[in-house]
Amino acid sequence: MQITDVRVRKVAKEGKLKAVVSITIDDEFVVHDIKVIEGEKGMFIAMPSKKSLDGEYRDIAHPINSGTRERIQTIILNRYEEAMEEEDEAVADEM
C-alpha cells in the first residue's frame, strides 16, 4: 500500500483542529476527512468518524494495525508541515 497523494485543507479558525486531509492510496482509493489535531503531546491525526446512536464517535475508516497508522500519520503530518511552510513563504513573498 502506497499513499500516492495527500491534500491538506487548513482550518481557518483557532482551536485544536488544524487541518482536514484527504489521502489517495495506490492511485485507486481515497479517504476524506482525516483531521490534523494539536494535542497536549503534539500533533496527531484522527480518522474519519461519525456519531453513533449512543452518542459515541466511531471511526468509519481506519488502519488495522499500529504500524500502518503510524506510517499514515507520519506522511500526513510531514505534508501538513510542508503546506504550512509553503503558506509562510507565500505570505513573506507578498511583503
PDB file of N, CA and C in Angstrom:
ATOM      1  N   MET A   1       0.843  -1.180   0.000  1.00  0.00           N
ATOM      2  CA  MET A   1       0.000   0.000   0.000  1.00  0.00           C
ATOM      3  C   MET A   1       0.882   1.235   0.000  1.00  0.00           C
ATOM      4  N   GLN A   2       0.621   2.133  -0.943  1.00  0.00           N
ATOM      5  CA  GLN A   2       1.353   3.389  -1.024  1.00  0.00           C
ATOM      6  C   GLN A   2       0.371   4.555  -0.974  1.00  0.00           C
ATOM      7  N   ILE A   3       0.698   5.557  -0.207  1.00  0.00           N
ATOM      8  CA  ILE A   3      -0.089   6.781  -0.232  1.00  0.00           C
ATOM      9  C   ILE A   3       0.454   7.610  -1.384  1.00  0.00           C
ATOM     10  N   THR A   4      -0.370   7.785  -2.401  1.00  0.00           N
ATOM     11  CA  THR A   4       0.089   8.419  -3.637  1.00  0.00           C
ATOM     12  C   THR A   4      -0.290   9.893  -3.743  1.00  0.00           C
ATOM     13  N   ASP A   5      -1.149  10.393  -2.855  1.00  0.00           N
ATOM     14  CA  ASP A   5      -1.494  11.810  -2.855  1.00  0.00           C
ATOM     15  C   ASP A   5      -2.003  12.200  -1.476  1.00  0.00           C
ATOM     16  N   VAL A   6      -1.652  13.403  -1.053  1.00  0.00           N
ATOM     17  CA  VAL A   6      -2.142  13.960   0.213  1.00  0.00           C
ATOM     18  C   VAL A   6      -2.595  15.384  -0.068  1.00  0.00           C
ATOM     19  N   ARG A   7      -3.840  15.683   0.250  1.00  0.00           N
ATOM     20  CA  ARG A   7      -4.400  17.040   0.069  1.00  0.00           C
ATOM     21  C   ARG A   7      -4.717  17.618   1.439  1.00  0.00           C
ATOM     22  N   VAL A   8      -4.116  18.759   1.751  1.00  0.00           N
ATOM     23  CA  VAL A   8      -4.283  19.397   3.053  1.00  0.00           C
ATOM     24  C   VAL A   8      -5.145  20.642   2.896  1.00  0.00           C
ATOM     25  N   ARG A   9      -6.202  20.745   3.697  1.00  0.00           N
ATOM     26  CA  ARG A   9      -7.033  21.943   3.739  1.00  0.00           C
ATOM     27  C   ARG A   9      -6.948  22.521   5.158  1.00  0.00           C
ATOM     28  N   LYS A  10      -6.251  23.645   5.277  1.00  0.00           N
ATOM     29  CA  LYS A  10      -6.073  24.273   6.582  1.00  0.00           C
ATOM     30  C   LYS A  10      -7.403  24.786   7.116  1.00  0.00           C
ATOM     31  N   VAL A  11      -7.599  24.666   8.422  1.00  0.00           N
ATOM     32  CA  VAL A  11      -8.798  25.185   9.076  1.00  0.00           C
ATOM     33  C   VAL A  11      -8.501  26.613   9.511  1.00  0.00           C
ATOM     34  N   ALA A  12      -9.353  27.542   9.134  1.00  0.00           N
ATOM     35  CA  ALA A  12      -9.101  28.966   9.355  1.00  0.00           C
ATOM     36  C   ALA A  12      -9.281  29.392  10.812  1.00  0.00           C
ATOM     37  N   LYS A  13     -10.198  28.783  11.525  1.00  0.00           N
ATOM     38  CA  LYS A  13     -10.467  29.255  12.883  1.00  0.00           C
ATOM     39  C   LYS A  13      -9.444  28.699  13.876  1.00  0.00           C
ATOM     40  N   GLU A  14      -9.329  29.406  14.997  1.00  0.00           N
ATOM     41  CA  GLU A  14      -8.423  28.992  16.060  1.00  0.00           C
ATOM     42  C   GLU A  14      -8.983  27.766  16.774  1.00  0.00           C
ATOM     43  N   GLY A  15      -8.111  26.965  17.320  1.00  0.00           N
ATOM     44  CA  GLY A  15      -8.534  25.785  18.064  1.00  0.00           C
ATOM     45  C   GLY A  15      -7.576  24.636  17.830  1.00  0.00           C
ATOM     46  N   LYS A  16      -7.934  23.487  18.335  1.00  0.00           N
ATOM     47  CA  LYS A  16      -7.063  22.316  18.238  1.00  0.00           C
ATOM     48  C   LYS A  16      -7.065  21.692  16.846  1.00  0.00           C
ATOM     49  N   LEU A  17      -8.172  21.801  16.127  1.00  0.00           N
ATOM     50  CA  LEU A  17      -8.250  21.272  14.766  1.00  0.00           C
ATOM     51  C   LEU A  17      -7.467  22.201  13.841  1.00  0.00           C
ATOM     52  N   LYS A  18      -6.417  21.668  13.204  1.00  0.00           N
ATOM     53  CA  LYS A  18      -5.536  22.483  12.377  1.00  0.00           C
ATOM     54  C   LYS A  18      -5.794  22.318  10.884  1.00  0.00           C
ATOM     55  N   ALA A  19      -6.209  21.123  10.463  1.00  0.00           N
ATOM     56  CA  ALA A  19      -6.423  20.879   9.032  1.00  0.00           C
ATOM     57  C   ALA A  19      -7.291  19.642   8.858  1.00  0.00           C
ATOM     58  N   VAL A  20      -7.870  19.546   7.663  1.00  0.00           N
ATOM     59  CA  VAL A  20      -8.603  18.356   7.247  1.00  0.00           C
ATOM     60  C   VAL A  20      -7.895  17.847   5.998  1.00  0.00           C
ATOM     61  N   VAL A  21      -7.642  16.553   5.963  1.00  0.00           N
ATOM     62  CA  VAL A  21      -6.789  15.965   4.930  1.00  0.00           C
ATOM     63  C   VAL A  21      -7.535  14.858   4.197  1.00  0.00           C
ATOM     64  N   SER A  22      -7.221  14.724   2.904  1.00  0.00           N
ATOM     65  CA  SER A  22      -7.664  13.577   2.103  1.00  0.00           C
ATOM     66  C   SER A  22      -6.411  12.871   1.614  1.00  0.00           C
ATOM     67  N   ILE A  23      -6.422  11.546   1.660  1.00  0.00           N
ATOM     68  CA  ILE A  23      -5.299  10.778   1.127  1.00  0.00           C
ATOM     69  C   ILE A  23      -5.808   9.860   0.020  1.00  0.00           C
ATOM     70  N   THR A  24      -4.938   9.628  -0.957  1.00  0.00           N
ATOM     71  CA  THR A  24      -5.223   8.656  -2.004  1.00  0.00           C
ATOM     72  C   THR A  24      -4.257   7.499  -1.816  1.00  0.00           C
ATOM     73  N   ILE A  25      -4.786   6.295  -1.867  1.00  0.00           N
ATOM     74  CA  ILE A  25      -3.987   5.086  -1.690  1.00  0.00           C
ATOM     75  C   ILE A  25      -3.884   4.378  -3.031  1.00  0.00           C
ATOM     76  N   ASP A  26      -2.640   4.117  -3.456  1.00  0.00           N
ATOM     77  CA  ASP A  26      -2.350   3.392  -4.699  1.00  0.00           C
ATOM     78  C   ASP A  26      -3.058   3.987  -5.925  1.00  0.00           C
ATOM     79  N   ASP A  27      -3.261   5.293  -5.939  1.00  0.00           N
ATOM     80  CA  ASP A  27      -3.958   5.962  -7.046  1.00  0.00           C
ATOM     81  C   ASP A  27      -5.327   5.349  -7.329  1.00  0.00           C
ATOM     82  N   GLU A  28      -5.932   4.696  -6.327  1.00  0.00           N
ATOM     83  CA  GLU A  28      -7.193   3.986  -6.555  1.00  0.00           C
ATOM     84  C   GLU A  28      -8.266   4.204  -5.497  1.00  0.00           C
ATOM     85  N   PHE A  29      -7.877   4.625  -4.292  1.00  0.00           N
ATOM     86  CA  PHE A  29      -8.841   4.686  -3.199  1.00  0.00           C
ATOM     87  C   PHE A  29      -8.573   5.945  -2.382  1.00  0.00           C
ATOM     88  N   VAL A  30      -9.634   6.729  -2.096  1.00  0.00           N
ATOM     89  CA  VAL A  30      -9.487   7.983  -1.369  1.00  0.00           C
ATOM     90  C   VAL A  30     -10.172   7.895  -0.013  1.00  0.00           C
ATOM     91  N   VAL A  31      -9.508   8.453   0.994  1.00  0.00           N
ATOM     92  CA  VAL A  31     -10.094   8.601   2.323  1.00  0.00           C
ATOM     93  C   VAL A  31     -10.126  10.097   2.620  1.00  0.00           C
ATOM     94  N   HIS A  32     -11.328  10.647   2.816  1.00  0.00           N
ATOM     95  CA  HIS A  32     -11.523  12.065   3.110  1.00  0.00           C
ATOM     96  C   HIS A  32     -11.708  12.263   4.611  1.00  0.00           C
ATOM     97  N   ASP A  33     -11.596  13.505   5.025  1.00  0.00           N
ATOM     98  CA  ASP A  33     -11.938  13.952   6.386  1.00  0.00           C
ATOM     99  C   ASP A  33     -11.064  13.368   7.487  1.00  0.00           C
ATOM    100  N   ILE A  34      -9.778  13.183   7.202  1.00  0.00           N
ATOM    101  CA  ILE A  34      -8.822  12.852   8.255  1.00  0.00           C
ATOM    102  C   ILE A  34      -8.440  14.183   8.894  1.00  0.00           C
ATOM    103  N   LYS A  35      -8.534  14.261  10.204  1.00  0.00           N
ATOM    104  CA  LYS A  35      -8.281  15.527  10.892  1.00  0.00           C
ATOM    105  C   LYS A  35      -6.865  15.577  11.451  1.00  0.00           C
ATOM    106  N   VAL A  36      -6.221  16.750  11.320  1.00  0.00           N
ATOM    107  CA  VAL A  36      -4.935  17.010  11.962  1.00  0.00           C
ATOM    108  C   VAL A  36      -5.248  17.824  13.203  1.00  0.00           C
ATOM    109  N   ILE A  37      -4.864  17.297  14.361  1.00  0.00           N
ATOM    110  CA  ILE A  37      -5.230  17.902  15.634  1.00  0.00           C
ATOM    111  C   ILE A  37      -3.975  18.177  16.454  1.00  0.00           C
ATOM    112  N   GLU A  38      -3.957  19.341  17.108  1.00  0.00           N
ATOM    113  CA  GLU A  38      -2.865  19.659  18.020  1.00  0.00           C
ATOM    114  C   GLU A  38      -3.285  19.269  19.426  1.00  0.00           C
ATOM    115  N   GLY A  39      -2.650  18.241  19.963  1.00  0.00           N
ATOM    116  CA  GLY A  39      -2.969  17.760  21.295  1.00  0.00           C
ATOM    117  C   GLY A  39      -1.929  18.189  22.304  1.00  0.00           C
ATOM    118  N   GLU A  40      -2.118  17.786  23.539  1.00  0.00           N
ATOM    119  CA  GLU A  40      -1.188  18.138  24.609  1.00  0.00           C
ATOM    120  C   GLU A  40       0.203  17.566  24.370  1.00  0.00           C
ATOM    121  N   LYS A  41       0.287  16.414  23.703  1.00  0.00           N
ATOM    122  CA  LYS A  41       1.574  15.757  23.459  1.00  0.00           C
ATOM    123  C   LYS A  41       2.071  15.978  22.037  1.00  0.00           C
ATOM    124  N   GLY A  42       1.459  16.894  21.303  1.00  0.00           N
ATOM    125  CA  GLY A  42       1.881  17.175  19.940  1.00  0.00           C
ATOM    126  C   GLY A  42       0.781  16.907  18.931  1.00  0.00           C
ATOM    127  N   MET A  43       1.167  16.969  17.668  1.00  0.00           N
ATOM    128  CA  MET A  43       0.209  16.785  16.576  1.00  0.00           C
ATOM    129  C   MET A  43      -0.103  15.305  16.382  1.00  0.00           C
ATOM    130  N   PHE A  44      -1.363  15.030  16.014  1.00  0.00           N
ATOM    131  CA  PHE A  44      -1.768  13.668  15.680  1.00  0.00           C
ATOM    132  C   PHE A  44      -2.921  13.733  14.690  1.00  0.00           C
ATOM    133  N   ILE A  45      -3.275  12.576  14.136  1.00  0.00           N
ATOM    134  CA  ILE A  45      -4.399  12.531  13.207  1.00  0.00           C
ATOM    135  C   ILE A  45      -5.555  11.773  13.846  1.00  0.00           C
ATOM    136  N   ALA A  46      -6.752  12.109  13.406  1.00  0.00           N
ATOM    137  CA  ALA A  46      -7.970  11.387  13.790  1.00  0.00           C
ATOM    138  C   ALA A  46      -8.641  10.945  12.492  1.00  0.00           C
ATOM    139  N   MET A  47      -8.927   9.680  12.407  1.00  0.00           N
ATOM    140  CA  MET A  47      -9.543   9.138  11.210  1.00  0.00           C
ATOM    141  C   MET A  47     -10.999   9.599  11.117  1.00  0.00           C
ATOM    142  N   PRO A  48     -11.592   9.542   9.912  1.00  0.00           N
ATOM    143  CA  PRO A  48     -12.990   9.973   9.758  1.00  0.00           C
ATOM    144  C   PRO A  48     -13.904   9.157  10.659  1.00  0.00           C
ATOM    145  N   SER A  49     -14.865   9.847  11.255  1.00  0.00           N
ATOM    146  CA  SER A  49     -15.765   9.160  12.186  1.00  0.00           C
ATOM    147  C   SER A  49     -17.171   9.728  12.060  1.00  0.00           C
ATOM    148  N   LYS A  50     -18.105   9.011  12.678  1.00  0.00           N
ATOM    149  CA  LYS A  50     -19.473   9.527  12.753  1.00  0.00           C
ATOM    150  C   LYS A  50     -20.023   9.206  14.127  1.00  0.00           C
ATOM    151  N   LYS A  51     -21.007   9.988  14.537  1.00  0.00           N
ATOM    152  CA  LYS A  51     -21.613   9.821  15.849  1.00  0.00           C
ATOM    153  C   LYS A  51     -22.636   8.695  15.789  1.00  0.00           C
ATOM    154  N   SER A  52     -22.512   7.752  16.701  1.00  0.00           N
ATOM    155  CA  SER A  52     -23.458   6.634  16.734  1.00  0.00           C
ATOM    156  C   SER A  52     -24.680   7.013  17.576  1.00  0.00           C
ATOM    157  N   LEU A  53     -25.652   6.150  17.602  1.00  0.00           N
ATOM    158  CA  LEU A  53     -26.892   6.431  18.334  1.00  0.00           C
ATOM    159  C   LEU A  53     -26.664   6.620  19.831  1.00  0.00           C
ATOM    160  N   ASP A  54     -25.605   5.995  20.371  1.00  0.00           N
ATOM    161  CA  ASP A  54     -25.337   6.149  21.800  1.00  0.00           C
ATOM    162  C   ASP A  54     -24.503   7.391  22.119  1.00  0.00           C
ATOM    163  N   GLY A  55     -24.226   8.211  21.099  1.00  0.00           N
ATOM    164  CA  GLY A  55     -23.501   9.458  21.301  1.00  0.00           C
ATOM    165  C   GLY A  55     -21.994   9.344  21.172  1.00  0.00           C
ATOM    166  N   GLU A  56     -21.480   8.140  21.043  1.00  0.00           N
ATOM    167  CA  GLU A  56     -20.044   7.932  20.877  1.00  0.00           C
ATOM    168  C   GLU A  56     -19.659   8.126  19.413  1.00  0.00           C
ATOM    169  N   TYR A  57     -18.422   8.591  19.182  1.00  0.00           N
ATOM    170  CA  TYR A  57     -17.906   8.708  17.824  1.00  0.00           C
ATOM    171  C   TYR A  57     -17.156   7.432  17.479  1.00  0.00           C
ATOM    172  N   ARG A  58     -17.398   6.907  16.293  1.00  0.00           N
ATOM    173  CA  ARG A  58     -16.751   5.681  15.829  1.00  0.00           C
ATOM    174  C   ARG A  58     -16.083   5.947  14.483  1.00  0.00           C
ATOM    175  N   ASP A  59     -14.831   5.464  14.363  1.00  0.00           N
ATOM    176  CA  ASP A  59     -14.131   5.590  13.086  1.00  0.00           C
ATOM    177  C   ASP A  59     -14.893   4.830  12.017  1.00  0.00           C
ATOM    178  N   ILE A  60     -15.013   5.442  10.843  1.00  0.00           N
ATOM    179  CA  ILE A  60     -15.667   4.749   9.734  1.00  0.00           C
ATOM    180  C   ILE A  60     -14.652   4.192   8.745  1.00  0.00           C
ATOM    181  N   ALA A  61     -13.394   4.627   8.877  1.00  0.00           N
ATOM    182  CA  ALA A  61     -12.292   4.071   8.103  1.00  0.00           C
ATOM    183  C   ALA A  61     -11.054   4.217   8.968  1.00  0.00           C
ATOM    184  N   HIS A  62     -10.270   3.140   9.066  1.00  0.00           N
ATOM    185  CA  HIS A  62      -9.085   3.218   9.920  1.00  0.00           C
ATOM    186  C   HIS A  62      -8.113   2.095   9.580  1.00  0.00           C
ATOM    187  N   PRO A  63      -6.825   2.284   9.907  1.00  0.00           N
ATOM    188  CA  PRO A  63      -5.837   1.227   9.699  1.00  0.00           C
ATOM    189  C   PRO A  63      -6.112   0.056  10.647  1.00  0.00           C
ATOM    190  N   ILE A  64      -5.723  -1.122  10.222  1.00  0.00           N
ATOM    191  CA  ILE A  64      -5.937  -2.323  11.028  1.00  0.00           C
ATOM    192  C   ILE A  64      -4.859  -2.475  12.108  1.00  0.00           C
ATOM    193  N   ASN A  65      -3.646  -1.979  11.855  1.00  0.00           N
ATOM    194  CA  ASN A  65      -2.577  -2.161  12.838  1.00  0.00           C
ATOM    195  C   ASN A  65      -1.856  -0.839  13.113  1.00  0.00           C
ATOM    196  N   SER A  66      -1.118  -0.818  14.214  1.00  0.00           N
ATOM    197  CA  SER A  66      -0.464   0.422  14.645  1.00  0.00           C
ATOM    198  C   SER A  66       0.657   0.850  13.703  1.00  0.00           C
ATOM    199  N   GLY A  67       1.335  -0.087  13.060  1.00  0.00           N
ATOM    200  CA  GLY A  67       2.393   0.265  12.120  1.00  0.00           C
ATOM    201  C   GLY A  67       1.857   1.050  10.933  1.00  0.00           C
ATOM    202  N   THR A  68       0.729   0.608  10.418  1.00  0.00           N
ATOM    203  CA  THR A  68       0.105   1.317   9.286  1.00  0.00           C
ATOM    204  C   THR A  68      -0.402   2.682   9.731  1.00  0.00           C
ATOM    205  N   ARG A  69      -0.998   2.755  10.912  1.00  0.00           N
ATOM    206  CA  ARG A  69      -1.470   4.046  11.435  1.00  0.00           C
ATOM    207  C   ARG A  69      -0.293   5.011  11.570  1.00  0.00           C
ATOM    208  N   GLU A  70       0.814   4.538  12.105  1.00  0.00           N
ATOM    209  CA  GLU A  70       1.989   5.391  12.289  1.00  0.00           C
ATOM    210  C   GLU A  70       2.528   5.884  10.942  1.00  0.00           C
ATOM    211  N   ARG A  71       2.561   4.994   9.961  1.00  0.00           N
ATOM    212  CA  ARG A  71       3.049   5.374   8.636  1.00  0.00           C
ATOM    213  C   ARG A  71       2.150   6.440   8.007  1.00  0.00           C
ATOM    214  N   ILE A  72       0.829   6.247   8.092  1.00  0.00           N
ATOM    215  CA  ILE A  72      -0.120   7.226   7.555  1.00  0.00           C
ATOM    216  C   ILE A  72       0.025   8.553   8.291  1.00  0.00           C
ATOM    217  N   GLN A  73       0.112   8.495   9.623  1.00  0.00           N
ATOM    218  CA  GLN A  73       0.234   9.722  10.410  1.00  0.00           C
ATOM    219  C   GLN A  73       1.514  10.471  10.065  1.00  0.00           C
ATOM    220  N   THR A  74       2.629   9.775   9.927  1.00  0.00           N
ATOM    221  CA  THR A  74       3.898  10.421   9.592  1.00  0.00           C
ATOM    222  C   THR A  74       3.817  11.125   8.242  1.00  0.00           C
ATOM    223  N   ILE A  75       3.260  10.454   7.249  1.00  0.00           N
ATOM    224  CA  ILE A  75       3.131  11.047   5.916  1.00  0.00           C
ATOM    225  C   ILE A  75       2.234  12.281   5.957  1.00  0.00           C
ATOM    226  N   ILE A  76       1.104  12.178   6.629  1.00  0.00           N
ATOM    227  CA  ILE A  76       0.165  13.307   6.708  1.00  0.00           C
ATOM    228  C   ILE A  76       0.784  14.481   7.452  1.00  0.00           C
ATOM    229  N   LEU A  77       1.414  14.231   8.598  1.00  0.00           N
ATOM    230  CA  LEU A  77       1.983  15.333   9.372  1.00  0.00           C
ATOM    231  C   LEU A  77       3.151  15.986   8.641  1.00  0.00           C
ATOM    232  N   ASN A  78       3.941  15.206   7.922  1.00  0.00           N
ATOM    233  CA  ASN A  78       5.011  15.792   7.108  1.00  0.00           C
ATOM    234  C   ASN A  78       4.437  16.699   6.027  1.00  0.00           C
ATOM    235  N   ARG A  79       3.382  16.245   5.355  1.00  0.00           N
ATOM    236  CA  ARG A  79       2.758  17.055   4.299  1.00  0.00           C
ATOM    237  C   ARG A  79       2.088  18.297   4.889  1.00  0.00           C
ATOM    238  N   TYR A  80       1.507  18.173   6.073  1.00  0.00           N
ATOM    239  CA  TYR A  80       0.917  19.326   6.756  1.00  0.00           C
ATOM    240  C   TYR A  80       1.994  20.376   7.036  1.00  0.00           C
ATOM    241  N   GLU A  81       3.136  19.946   7.570  1.00  0.00           N
ATOM    242  CA  GLU A  81       4.232  20.873   7.852  1.00  0.00           C
ATOM    243  C   GLU A  81       4.713  21.556   6.573  1.00  0.00           C
ATOM    244  N   GLU A  82       4.839  20.795   5.488  1.00  0.00           N
ATOM    245  CA  GLU A  82       5.235  21.369   4.200  1.00  0.00           C
ATOM    246  C   GLU A  82       4.232  22.428   3.746  1.00  0.00           C
ATOM    247  N   ALA A  83       2.949  22.127   3.888  1.00  0.00           N
ATOM    248  CA  ALA A  83       1.907  23.075   3.476  1.00  0.00           C
ATOM    249  C   ALA A  83       1.976  24.351   4.306  1.00  0.00           C
ATOM    250  N   MET A  84       2.258  24.239   5.601  1.00  0.00           N
ATOM    251  CA  MET A  84       2.358  25.424   6.456  1.00  0.00           C
ATOM    252  C   MET A  84       3.589  26.250   6.079  1.00  0.00           C
ATOM    253  N   GLU A  85       4.708  25.579   5.734  1.00  0.00           N
ATOM    254  CA  GLU A  85       5.909  26.295   5.301  1.00  0.00           C
ATOM    255  C   GLU A  85       5.660  27.018   3.978  1.00  0.00           C
ATOM    256  N   GLU A  86       4.966  26.356   3.055  1.00  0.00           N
ATOM    257  CA  GLU A  86       4.645  26.977   1.774  1.00  0.00           C
ATOM    258  C   GLU A  86       3.775  28.211   1.989  1.00  0.00           C
ATOM    259  N   GLU A  87       2.826  28.116   2.912  1.00  0.00           N
ATOM    260  CA  GLU A  87       1.951  29.253   3.209  1.00  0.00           C
ATOM    261  C   GLU A  87       2.756  30.409   3.802  1.00  0.00           C
ATOM    262  N   ASP A  88       3.684  30.100   4.716  1.00  0.00           N
ATOM    263  CA  ASP A  88       4.530  31.136   5.315  1.00  0.00           C
ATOM    264  C   ASP A  88       5.390  31.818   4.254  1.00  0.00           C
ATOM    265  N   GLU A  89       5.932  31.025   3.330  1.00  0.00           N
ATOM    266  CA  GLU A  89       6.757  31.583   2.259  1.00  0.00           C
ATOM    267  C   GLU A  89       5.929  32.485   1.342  1.00  0.00           C
ATOM    268  N   ALA A  90       4.710  32.090   1.053  1.00  0.00           N
ATOM    269  CA  ALA A  90       3.833  32.905   0.201  1.00  0.00           C
ATOM    270  C   ALA A  90       3.517  34.227   0.856  1.00  0.00           C
ATOM    271  N   VAL A  91       3.265  34.204   2.160  1.00  0.00           N
ATOM    272  CA  VAL A  91       2.994  35.448   2.897  1.00  0.00           C
ATOM    273  C   VAL A  91       4.223  36.331   2.893  1.00  0.00           C
ATOM    274  N   ALA A  92       5.406  35.754   3.086  1.00  0.00           N
ATOM    275  CA  ALA A  92       6.652  36.526   3.096  1.00  0.00           C
ATOM    276  C   ALA A  92       6.916  37.156   1.723  1.00  0.00           C
ATOM    277  N   ASP A  93       6.605  36.433   0.661  1.00  0.00           N
ATOM    278  CA  ASP A  93       6.808  36.945  -0.690  1.00  0.00           C
ATOM    279  C   ASP A  93       5.890  38.124  -0.999  1.00  0.00           C
ATOM    280  N   GLU A  94       4.721  38.170  -0.366  1.00  0.00           N
ATOM    281  CA  GLU A  94       3.779  39.257  -0.598  1.00  0.00           C
ATOM    282  C   GLU A  94       4.220  40.544   0.082  1.00  0.00           C
ATOM    283  N   MET A  95       5.102  40.439   1.077  1.00  0.00           N
ATOM    284  CA  MET A  95       5.524  41.623   1.823  1.00  0.00           C
ATOM    285  C   MET A  95       6.573  42.400   1.112  1.00  0.00           C
TER     286      MET A  95
END
